[in-house]
Amino acid sequence: MIKVEIPKTPAQLQQERREEERKEKFVDSVTALMANLALLPLHAWILMLVLGAVHSVIAPVAAVGYGTALLFVLGVDLVAVTSKKFRR
């Protein structure tokens, strides 16, 4: 059996390029999400240590635990993402 390949139209080629770009953007966004999720505990731990150090120097600053620091980092990230969306 002989295979005959039909040439693609410019519209089909453009659509294929768009699909490849979408796939690349998706992979990039998933990679960024995984990196942020992997670094989240580290950010919370560092925040907890910093606030503990500031608490030892300045008493009115509250010393927070790991859970509170994690929630604080999540809240700051949420505000940052929301503000980015409304800037555009």
PDB file of N, CA and C in Angstrom:
ATOM      1  N   MET A   1       0.833  -1.171   0.000  1.00  0.00           N
ATOM      2  CA  MET A   1       0.000   0.000   0.000  1.00  0.00           C
ATOM      3  C   MET A   1       0.881   1.239   0.000  1.00  0.00           C
ATOM      4  N   ILE A   2       0.593   2.149  -0.844  1.00  0.00           N
ATOM      5  CA  ILE A   2       1.370   3.369  -0.984  1.00  0.00           C
ATOM      6  C   ILE A   2       0.730   4.466  -0.149  1.00  0.00           C
ATOM      7  N   LYS A   3       1.578   5.117   0.644  1.00  0.00           N
ATOM      8  CA  LYS A   3       1.092   6.231   1.462  1.00  0.00           C
ATOM      9  C   LYS A   3       1.298   7.529   0.708  1.00  0.00           C
ATOM     10  N   VAL A   4       0.242   8.267   0.603  1.00  0.00           N
ATOM     11  CA  VAL A   4       0.320   9.571  -0.034  1.00  0.00           C
ATOM     12  C   VAL A   4       0.028  10.617   1.032  1.00  0.00           C
ATOM     13  N   GLU A   5       0.962  11.524   1.195  1.00  0.00           N
ATOM     14  CA  GLU A   5       0.791  12.558   2.209  1.00  0.00           C
ATOM     15  C   GLU A   5       0.277  13.828   1.550  1.00  0.00           C
ATOM     16  N   ILE A   6      -0.825  14.303   2.070  1.00  0.00           N
ATOM     17  CA  ILE A   6      -1.434  15.517   1.528  1.00  0.00           C
ATOM     18  C   ILE A   6      -0.765  16.717   2.182  1.00  0.00           C
ATOM     19  N   PRO A   7      -0.307  17.675   1.384  1.00  0.00           N
ATOM     20  CA  PRO A   7       0.324  18.867   1.978  1.00  0.00           C
ATOM     21  C   PRO A   7      -0.678  19.648   2.835  1.00  0.00           C
ATOM     22  N   LYS A   8      -0.152  20.228   3.889  1.00  0.00           N
ATOM     23  CA  LYS A   8      -1.012  20.975   4.808  1.00  0.00           C
ATOM     24  C   LYS A   8      -1.152  22.411   4.341  1.00  0.00           C
ATOM     25  N   THR A   9      -2.308  22.954   4.640  1.00  0.00           N
ATOM     26  CA  THR A   9      -2.569  24.351   4.290  1.00  0.00           C
ATOM     27  C   THR A   9      -1.898  25.257   5.322  1.00  0.00           C
ATOM     28  N   PRO A  10      -1.678  26.523   4.988  1.00  0.00           N
ATOM     29  CA  PRO A  10      -1.087  27.451   5.959  1.00  0.00           C
ATOM     30  C   PRO A  10      -1.914  27.558   7.248  1.00  0.00           C
ATOM     31  N   ALA A  11      -3.228  27.474   7.123  1.00  0.00           N
ATOM     32  CA  ALA A  11      -4.082  27.545   8.318  1.00  0.00           C
ATOM     33  C   ALA A  11      -3.841  26.336   9.222  1.00  0.00           C
ATOM     34  N   GLN A  12      -3.666  25.160   8.626  1.00  0.00           N
ATOM     35  CA  GLN A  12      -3.405  23.963   9.424  1.00  0.00           C
ATOM     36  C   GLN A  12      -2.044  24.054  10.107  1.00  0.00           C
ATOM     37  N   LEU A  13      -1.050  24.555   9.380  1.00  0.00           N
ATOM     38  CA  LEU A  13       0.278  24.715   9.972  1.00  0.00           C
ATOM     39  C   LEU A  13       0.258  25.714  11.123  1.00  0.00           C
ATOM     40  N   GLN A  14      -0.503  26.802  10.952  1.00  0.00           N
ATOM     41  CA  GLN A  14      -0.619  27.813  11.998  1.00  0.00           C
ATOM     42  C   GLN A  14      -1.323  27.230  13.230  1.00  0.00           C
ATOM     43  N   GLN A  15      -2.348  26.429  12.998  1.00  0.00           N
ATOM     44  CA  GLN A  15      -3.064  25.812  14.107  1.00  0.00           C
ATOM     45  C   GLN A  15      -2.152  24.840  14.860  1.00  0.00           C
ATOM     46  N   GLU A  16      -1.344  24.083  14.140  1.00  0.00           N
ATOM     47  CA  GLU A  16      -0.408  23.175  14.792  1.00  0.00           C
ATOM     48  C   GLU A  16       0.613  23.943  15.629  1.00  0.00           C
ATOM     49  N   ARG A  17       1.096  25.071  15.113  1.00  0.00           N
ATOM     50  CA  ARG A  17       2.036  25.899  15.874  1.00  0.00           C
ATOM     51  C   ARG A  17       1.389  26.423  17.152  1.00  0.00           C
ATOM     52  N   ARG A  18       0.129  26.859  17.036  1.00  0.00           N
ATOM     53  CA  ARG A  18      -0.581  27.354  18.227  1.00  0.00           C
ATOM     54  C   ARG A  18      -0.729  26.250  19.272  1.00  0.00           C
ATOM     55  N   GLU A  19      -1.065  25.045  18.820  1.00  0.00           N
ATOM     56  CA  GLU A  19      -1.216  23.927  19.751  1.00  0.00           C
ATOM     57  C   GLU A  19       0.109  23.597  20.435  1.00  0.00           C
ATOM     58  N   GLU A  20       1.207  23.646  19.683  1.00  0.00           N
ATOM     59  CA  GLU A  20       2.514  23.395  20.284  1.00  0.00           C
ATOM     60  C   GLU A  20       2.864  24.478  21.306  1.00  0.00           C
ATOM     61  N   GLU A  21       2.535  25.734  20.984  1.00  0.00           N
ATOM     62  CA  GLU A  21       2.794  26.823  21.929  1.00  0.00           C
ATOM     63  C   GLU A  21       1.962  26.653  23.195  1.00  0.00           C
ATOM     64  N   ARG A  22       0.706  26.243  23.043  1.00  0.00           N
ATOM     65  CA  ARG A  22      -0.146  26.005  24.220  1.00  0.00           C
ATOM     66  C   ARG A  22       0.423  24.901  25.091  1.00  0.00           C
ATOM     67  N   LYS A  23       0.894  23.821  24.436  1.00  0.00           N
ATOM     68  CA  LYS A  23       1.481  22.718  25.203  1.00  0.00           C
ATOM     69  C   LYS A  23       2.724  23.179  25.947  1.00  0.00           C
ATOM     70  N   GLU A  24       3.560  23.988  25.291  1.00  0.00           N
ATOM     71  CA  GLU A  24       4.765  24.496  25.947  1.00  0.00           C
ATOM     72  C   GLU A  24       4.418  25.399  27.125  1.00  0.00           C
ATOM     73  N   LYS A  25       3.426  26.267  26.945  1.00  0.00           N
ATOM     74  CA  LYS A  25       2.999  27.142  28.040  1.00  0.00           C
ATOM     75  C   LYS A  25       2.442  26.335  29.201  1.00  0.00           C
ATOM     76  N   PHE A  26       1.699  25.268  28.888  1.00  0.00           N
ATOM     77  CA  PHE A  26       1.143  24.420  29.930  1.00  0.00           C
ATOM     78  C   PHE A  26       2.258  23.744  30.721  1.00  0.00           C
ATOM     79  N   VAL A  27       3.244  23.216  30.020  1.00  0.00           N
ATOM     80  CA  VAL A  27       4.362  22.559  30.694  1.00  0.00           C
ATOM     81  C   VAL A  27       5.112  23.562  31.560  1.00  0.00           C
ATOM     82  N   ASP A  28       5.326  24.764  31.050  1.00  0.00           N
ATOM     83  CA  ASP A  28       6.007  25.803  31.830  1.00  0.00           C
ATOM     84  C   ASP A  28       5.219  26.170  33.080  1.00  0.00           C
ATOM     85  N   SER A  29       3.909  26.308  32.946  1.00  0.00           N
ATOM     86  CA  SER A  29       3.102  26.695  34.108  1.00  0.00           C
ATOM     87  C   SER A  29       3.050  25.576  35.149  1.00  0.00           C
ATOM     88  N   VAL A  30       2.976  24.332  34.703  1.00  0.00           N
ATOM     89  CA  VAL A  30       2.970  23.215  35.657  1.00  0.00           C
ATOM     90  C   VAL A  30       4.327  23.116  36.364  1.00  0.00           C
ATOM     91  N   THR A  31       5.405  23.358  35.623  1.00  0.00           N
ATOM     92  CA  THR A  31       6.732  23.344  36.234  1.00  0.00           C
ATOM     93  C   THR A  31       6.856  24.443  37.285  1.00  0.00           C
ATOM     94  N   ALA A  32       6.368  25.629  36.965  1.00  0.00           N
ATOM     95  CA  ALA A  32       6.414  26.733  37.933  1.00  0.00           C
ATOM     96  C   ALA A  32       5.564  26.424  39.165  1.00  0.00           C
ATOM     97  N   LEU A  33       4.406  25.820  38.955  1.00  0.00           N
ATOM     98  CA  LEU A  33       3.541  25.457  40.083  1.00  0.00           C
ATOM     99  C   LEU A  33       4.226  24.442  40.991  1.00  0.00           C
ATOM    100  N   MET A  34       4.838  23.430  40.400  1.00  0.00           N
ATOM    101  CA  MET A  34       5.519  22.410  41.200  1.00  0.00           C
ATOM    102  C   MET A  34       6.701  23.011  41.961  1.00  0.00           C
ATOM    103  N   ALA A  35       7.418  23.932  41.327  1.00  0.00           N
ATOM    104  CA  ALA A  35       8.537  24.584  42.013  1.00  0.00           C
ATOM    105  C   ALA A  35       8.034  25.410  43.194  1.00  0.00           C
ATOM    106  N   ASN A  36       6.938  26.143  42.994  1.00  0.00           N
ATOM    107  CA  ASN A  36       6.374  26.933  44.091  1.00  0.00           C
ATOM    108  C   ASN A  36       5.885  26.047  45.228  1.00  0.00           C
ATOM    109  N   LEU A  37       5.250  24.937  44.888  1.00  0.00           N
ATOM    110  CA  LEU A  37       4.780  24.024  45.925  1.00  0.00           C
ATOM    111  C   LEU A  37       5.942  23.376  46.671  1.00  0.00           C
ATOM    112  N   ALA A  38       7.013  23.085  45.955  1.00  0.00           N
ATOM    113  CA  ALA A  38       8.172  22.474  46.603  1.00  0.00           C
ATOM    114  C   ALA A  38       8.874  23.454  47.539  1.00  0.00           C
ATOM    115  N   LEU A  39       8.879  24.737  47.186  1.00  0.00           N
ATOM    116  CA  LEU A  39       9.571  25.737  47.999  1.00  0.00           C
ATOM    117  C   LEU A  39       8.706  26.333  49.107  1.00  0.00           C
ATOM    118  N   LEU A  40       7.422  26.070  49.087  1.00  0.00           N
ATOM    119  CA  LEU A  40       6.507  26.638  50.080  1.00  0.00           C
ATOM    120  C   LEU A  40       6.900  26.296  51.518  1.00  0.00           C
ATOM    121  N   PRO A  41       7.179  25.028  51.848  1.00  0.00           N
ATOM    122  CA  PRO A  41       7.581  24.731  53.234  1.00  0.00           C
ATOM    123  C   PRO A  41       8.870  25.433  53.645  1.00  0.00           C
ATOM    124  N   LEU A  42       9.796  25.576  52.708  1.00  0.00           N
ATOM    125  CA  LEU A  42      11.048  26.265  53.014  1.00  0.00           C
ATOM    126  C   LEU A  42      10.794  27.740  53.323  1.00  0.00           C
ATOM    127  N   HIS A  43       9.954  28.384  52.514  1.00  0.00           N
ATOM    128  CA  HIS A  43       9.624  29.789  52.766  1.00  0.00           C
ATOM    129  C   HIS A  43       8.952  29.960  54.129  1.00  0.00           C
ATOM    130  N   ALA A  44       8.030  29.067  54.454  1.00  0.00           N
ATOM    131  CA  ALA A  44       7.337  29.167  55.744  1.00  0.00           C
ATOM    132  C   ALA A  44       8.304  28.946  56.901  1.00  0.00           C
ATOM    133  N   TRP A  45       9.219  28.005  56.753  1.00  0.00           N
ATOM    134  CA  TRP A  45      10.181  27.727  57.817  1.00  0.00           C
ATOM    135  C   TRP A  45      11.094  28.926  58.039  1.00  0.00           C
ATOM    136  N   ILE A  46      11.560  29.528  56.939  1.00  0.00           N
ATOM    137  CA  ILE A  46      12.429  30.701  57.057  1.00  0.00           C
ATOM    138  C   ILE A  46      11.670  31.865  57.693  1.00  0.00           C
ATOM    139  N   LEU A  47      10.417  32.067  57.309  1.00  0.00           N
ATOM    140  CA  LEU A  47       9.606  33.127  57.918  1.00  0.00           C
ATOM    141  C   LEU A  47       9.438  32.883  59.414  1.00  0.00           C
ATOM    142  N   MET A  48       9.195  31.635  59.796  1.00  0.00           N
ATOM    143  CA  MET A  48       9.037  31.298  61.207  1.00  0.00           C
ATOM    144  C   MET A  48      10.321  31.624  61.970  1.00  0.00           C
ATOM    145  N   LEU A  49      11.467  31.273  61.393  1.00  0.00           N
ATOM    146  CA  LEU A  49      12.742  31.557  62.060  1.00  0.00           C
ATOM    147  C   LEU A  49      12.999  33.055  62.177  1.00  0.00           C
ATOM    148  N   VAL A  50      12.694  33.793  61.110  1.00  0.00           N
ATOM    149  CA  VAL A  50      12.914  35.240  61.124  1.00  0.00           C
ATOM    150  C   VAL A  50      12.021  35.911  62.166  1.00  0.00           C
ATOM    151  N   LEU A  51      10.748  35.527  62.187  1.00  0.00           N
ATOM    152  CA  LEU A  51       9.852  36.135  63.177  1.00  0.00           C
ATOM    153  C   LEU A  51      10.243  35.742  64.599  1.00  0.00           C
ATOM    154  N   GLY A  52      10.741  34.537  64.774  1.00  0.00           N
ATOM    155  CA  GLY A  52      11.234  34.135  66.096  1.00  0.00           C
ATOM    156  C   GLY A  52      12.440  34.952  66.516  1.00  0.00           C
ATOM    157  N   ALA A  53      13.337  35.237  65.577  1.00  0.00           N
ATOM    158  CA  ALA A  53      14.522  36.046  65.890  1.00  0.00           C
ATOM    159  C   ALA A  53      14.117  37.481  66.208  1.00  0.00           C
ATOM    160  N   VAL A  54      13.191  38.037  65.437  1.00  0.00           N
ATOM    161  CA  VAL A  54      12.716  39.399  65.705  1.00  0.00           C
ATOM    162  C   VAL A  54      11.985  39.435  67.046  1.00  0.00           C
ATOM    163  N   HIS A  55      11.257  38.382  67.377  1.00  0.00           N
ATOM    164  CA  HIS A  55      10.534  38.310  68.655  1.00  0.00           C
ATOM    165  C   HIS A  55      11.509  38.326  69.828  1.00  0.00           C
ATOM    166  N   SER A  56      12.661  37.697  69.655  1.00  0.00           N
ATOM    167  CA  SER A  56      13.631  37.685  70.755  1.00  0.00           C
ATOM    168  C   SER A  56      14.262  39.058  70.969  1.00  0.00           C
ATOM    169  N   VAL A  57      14.249  39.896  69.940  1.00  0.00           N
ATOM    170  CA  VAL A  57      14.822  41.241  70.064  1.00  0.00           C
ATOM    171  C   VAL A  57      13.749  42.259  70.442  1.00  0.00           C
ATOM    172  N   ILE A  58      12.594  42.175  69.786  1.00  0.00           N
ATOM    173  CA  ILE A  58      11.502  43.118  70.021  1.00  0.00           C
ATOM    174  C   ILE A  58      10.298  42.315  70.502  1.00  0.00           C
ATOM    175  N   ALA A  59       9.968  42.449  71.760  1.00  0.00           N
ATOM    176  CA  ALA A  59       8.926  41.624  72.372  1.00  0.00           C
ATOM    177  C   ALA A  59       7.533  41.771  71.745  1.00  0.00           C
ATOM    178  N   PRO A  60       7.088  42.961  71.301  1.00  0.00           N
ATOM    179  CA  PRO A  60       5.729  43.056  70.760  1.00  0.00           C
ATOM    180  C   PRO A  60       5.504  42.256  69.470  1.00  0.00           C
ATOM    181  N   VAL A  61       6.567  41.864  68.784  1.00  0.00           N
ATOM    182  CA  VAL A  61       6.401  41.050  67.574  1.00  0.00           C
ATOM    183  C   VAL A  61       6.070  39.632  68.001  1.00  0.00           C
ATOM    184  N   ALA A  62       4.992  39.112  67.453  1.00  0.00           N
ATOM    185  CA  ALA A  62       4.537  37.781  67.860  1.00  0.00           C
ATOM    186  C   ALA A  62       5.428  36.694  67.279  1.00  0.00           C
ATOM    187  N   ALA A  63       5.707  35.697  68.094  1.00  0.00           N
ATOM    188  CA  ALA A  63       6.411  34.517  67.610  1.00  0.00           C
ATOM    189  C   ALA A  63       5.352  33.566  67.071  1.00  0.00           C
ATOM    190  N   VAL A  64       5.510  33.110  65.851  1.00  0.00           N
ATOM    191  CA  VAL A  64       4.505  32.248  65.229  1.00  0.00           C
ATOM    192  C   VAL A  64       5.081  30.866  65.016  1.00  0.00           C
ATOM    193  N   GLY A  65       4.184  29.902  64.972  1.00  0.00           N
ATOM    194  CA  GLY A  65       4.589  28.535  64.704  1.00  0.00           C
ATOM    195  C   GLY A  65       4.645  28.267  63.212  1.00  0.00           C
ATOM    196  N   TYR A  66       4.975  27.029  62.885  1.00  0.00           N
ATOM    197  CA  TYR A  66       5.124  26.655  61.479  1.00  0.00           C
ATOM    198  C   TYR A  66       3.804  26.766  60.725  1.00  0.00           C
ATOM    199  N   GLY A  67       2.708  26.325  61.325  1.00  0.00           N
ATOM    200  CA  GLY A  67       1.404  26.374  60.655  1.00  0.00           C
ATOM    201  C   GLY A  67       0.969  27.794  60.351  1.00  0.00           C
ATOM    202  N   THR A  68       1.163  28.674  61.310  1.00  0.00           N
ATOM    203  CA  THR A  68       0.812  30.077  61.095  1.00  0.00           C
ATOM    204  C   THR A  68       1.693  30.693  60.016  1.00  0.00           C
ATOM    205  N   ALA A  69       2.964  30.381  60.037  1.00  0.00           N
ATOM    206  CA  ALA A  69       3.873  30.899  59.009  1.00  0.00           C
ATOM    207  C   ALA A  69       3.478  30.374  57.632  1.00  0.00           C
ATOM    208  N   LEU A  70       3.077  29.115  57.558  1.00  0.00           N
ATOM    209  CA  LEU A  70       2.657  28.534  56.285  1.00  0.00           C
ATOM    210  C   LEU A  70       1.408  29.243  55.760  1.00  0.00           C
ATOM    211  N   LEU A  71       0.437  29.475  56.638  1.00  0.00           N
ATOM    212  CA  LEU A  71      -0.767  30.194  56.225  1.00  0.00           C
ATOM    213  C   LEU A  71      -0.453  31.627  55.814  1.00  0.00           C
ATOM    214  N   PHE A  72       0.473  32.256  56.512  1.00  0.00           N
ATOM    215  CA  PHE A  72       0.865  33.619  56.159  1.00  0.00           C
ATOM    216  C   PHE A  72       1.500  33.657  54.775  1.00  0.00           C
ATOM    217  N   VAL A  73       2.388  32.705  54.475  1.00  0.00           N
ATOM    218  CA  VAL A  73       3.033  32.650  53.154  1.00  0.00           C
ATOM    219  C   VAL A  73       1.993  32.383  52.073  1.00  0.00           C
ATOM    220  N   LEU A  74       1.057  31.486  52.336  1.00  0.00           N
ATOM    221  CA  LEU A  74      -0.017  31.226  51.370  1.00  0.00           C
ATOM    222  C   LEU A  74      -0.838  32.479  51.104  1.00  0.00           C
ATOM    223  N   GLY A  75      -1.151  33.222  52.162  1.00  0.00           N
ATOM    224  CA  GLY A  75      -1.922  34.450  52.000  1.00  0.00           C
ATOM    225  C   GLY A  75      -1.177  35.498  51.193  1.00  0.00           C
ATOM    226  N   VAL A  76       0.104  35.649  51.450  1.00  0.00           N
ATOM    227  CA  VAL A  76       0.908  36.620  50.699  1.00  0.00           C
ATOM    228  C   VAL A  76       0.989  36.210  49.233  1.00  0.00           C
ATOM    229  N   ASP A  77       1.173  34.915  48.978  1.00  0.00           N
ATOM    230  CA  ASP A  77       1.209  34.433  47.589  1.00  0.00           C
ATOM    231  C   ASP A  77      -0.123  34.683  46.885  1.00  0.00           C
ATOM    232  N   LEU A  78      -1.217  34.459  47.590  1.00  0.00           N
ATOM    233  CA  LEU A  78      -2.538  34.679  47.009  1.00  0.00           C
ATOM    234  C   LEU A  78      -2.758  36.147  46.659  1.00  0.00           C
ATOM    235  N   VAL A  79      -2.353  37.030  47.550  1.00  0.00           N
ATOM    236  CA  VAL A  79      -2.480  38.466  47.286  1.00  0.00           C
ATOM    237  C   VAL A  79      -1.600  38.869  46.104  1.00  0.00           C
ATOM    238  N   ALA A  80      -0.410  38.318  46.013  1.00  0.00           N
ATOM    239  CA  ALA A  80       0.490  38.648  44.907  1.00  0.00           C
ATOM    240  C   ALA A  80      -0.094  38.202  43.567  1.00  0.00           C
ATOM    241  N   VAL A  81      -0.640  37.007  43.526  1.00  0.00           N
ATOM    242  CA  VAL A  81      -1.220  36.495  42.277  1.00  0.00           C
ATOM    243  C   VAL A  81      -2.446  37.317  41.892  1.00  0.00           C
ATOM    244  N   THR A  82      -3.272  37.641  42.862  1.00  0.00           N
ATOM    245  CA  THR A  82      -4.468  38.425  42.590  1.00  0.00           C
ATOM    246  C   THR A  82      -4.110  39.816  42.081  1.00  0.00           C
ATOM    247  N   SER A  83      -3.118  40.438  42.686  1.00  0.00           N
ATOM    248  CA  SER A  83      -2.734  41.770  42.240  1.00  0.00           C
ATOM    249  C   SER A  83      -2.119  41.723  40.836  1.00  0.00           C
ATOM    250  N   LYS A  84      -1.402  40.660  40.498  1.00  0.00           N
ATOM    251  CA  LYS A  84      -0.859  40.512  39.141  1.00  0.00           C
ATOM    252  C   LYS A  84      -1.974  40.411  38.117  1.00  0.00           C
ATOM    253  N   LYS A  85      -3.029  39.679  38.450  1.00  0.00           N
ATOM    254  CA  LYS A  85      -4.130  39.496  37.508  1.00  0.00           C
ATOM    255  C   LYS A  85      -4.854  40.813  37.230  1.00  0.00           C
ATOM    256  N   PHE A  86      -5.013  41.654  38.270  1.00  0.00           N
ATOM    257  CA  PHE A  86      -5.736  42.897  38.089  1.00  0.00           C
ATOM    258  C   PHE A  86      -4.878  43.990  37.472  1.00  0.00           C
ATOM    259  N   ARG A  87      -3.560  43.811  37.438  1.00  0.00           N
ATOM    260  CA  ARG A  87      -2.686  44.800  36.807  1.00  0.00           C
ATOM    261  C   ARG A  87      -2.777  44.744  35.302  1.00  0.00           C
ATOM    262  N   ARG A  88      -3.055  43.586  34.771  1.00  0.00           N
ATOM    263  CA  ARG A  88      -3.082  43.420  33.308  1.00  0.00           C
ATOM    264  C   ARG A  88      -4.252  44.036  32.686  1.00  0.00           C
TER     265      ARG A  88
END
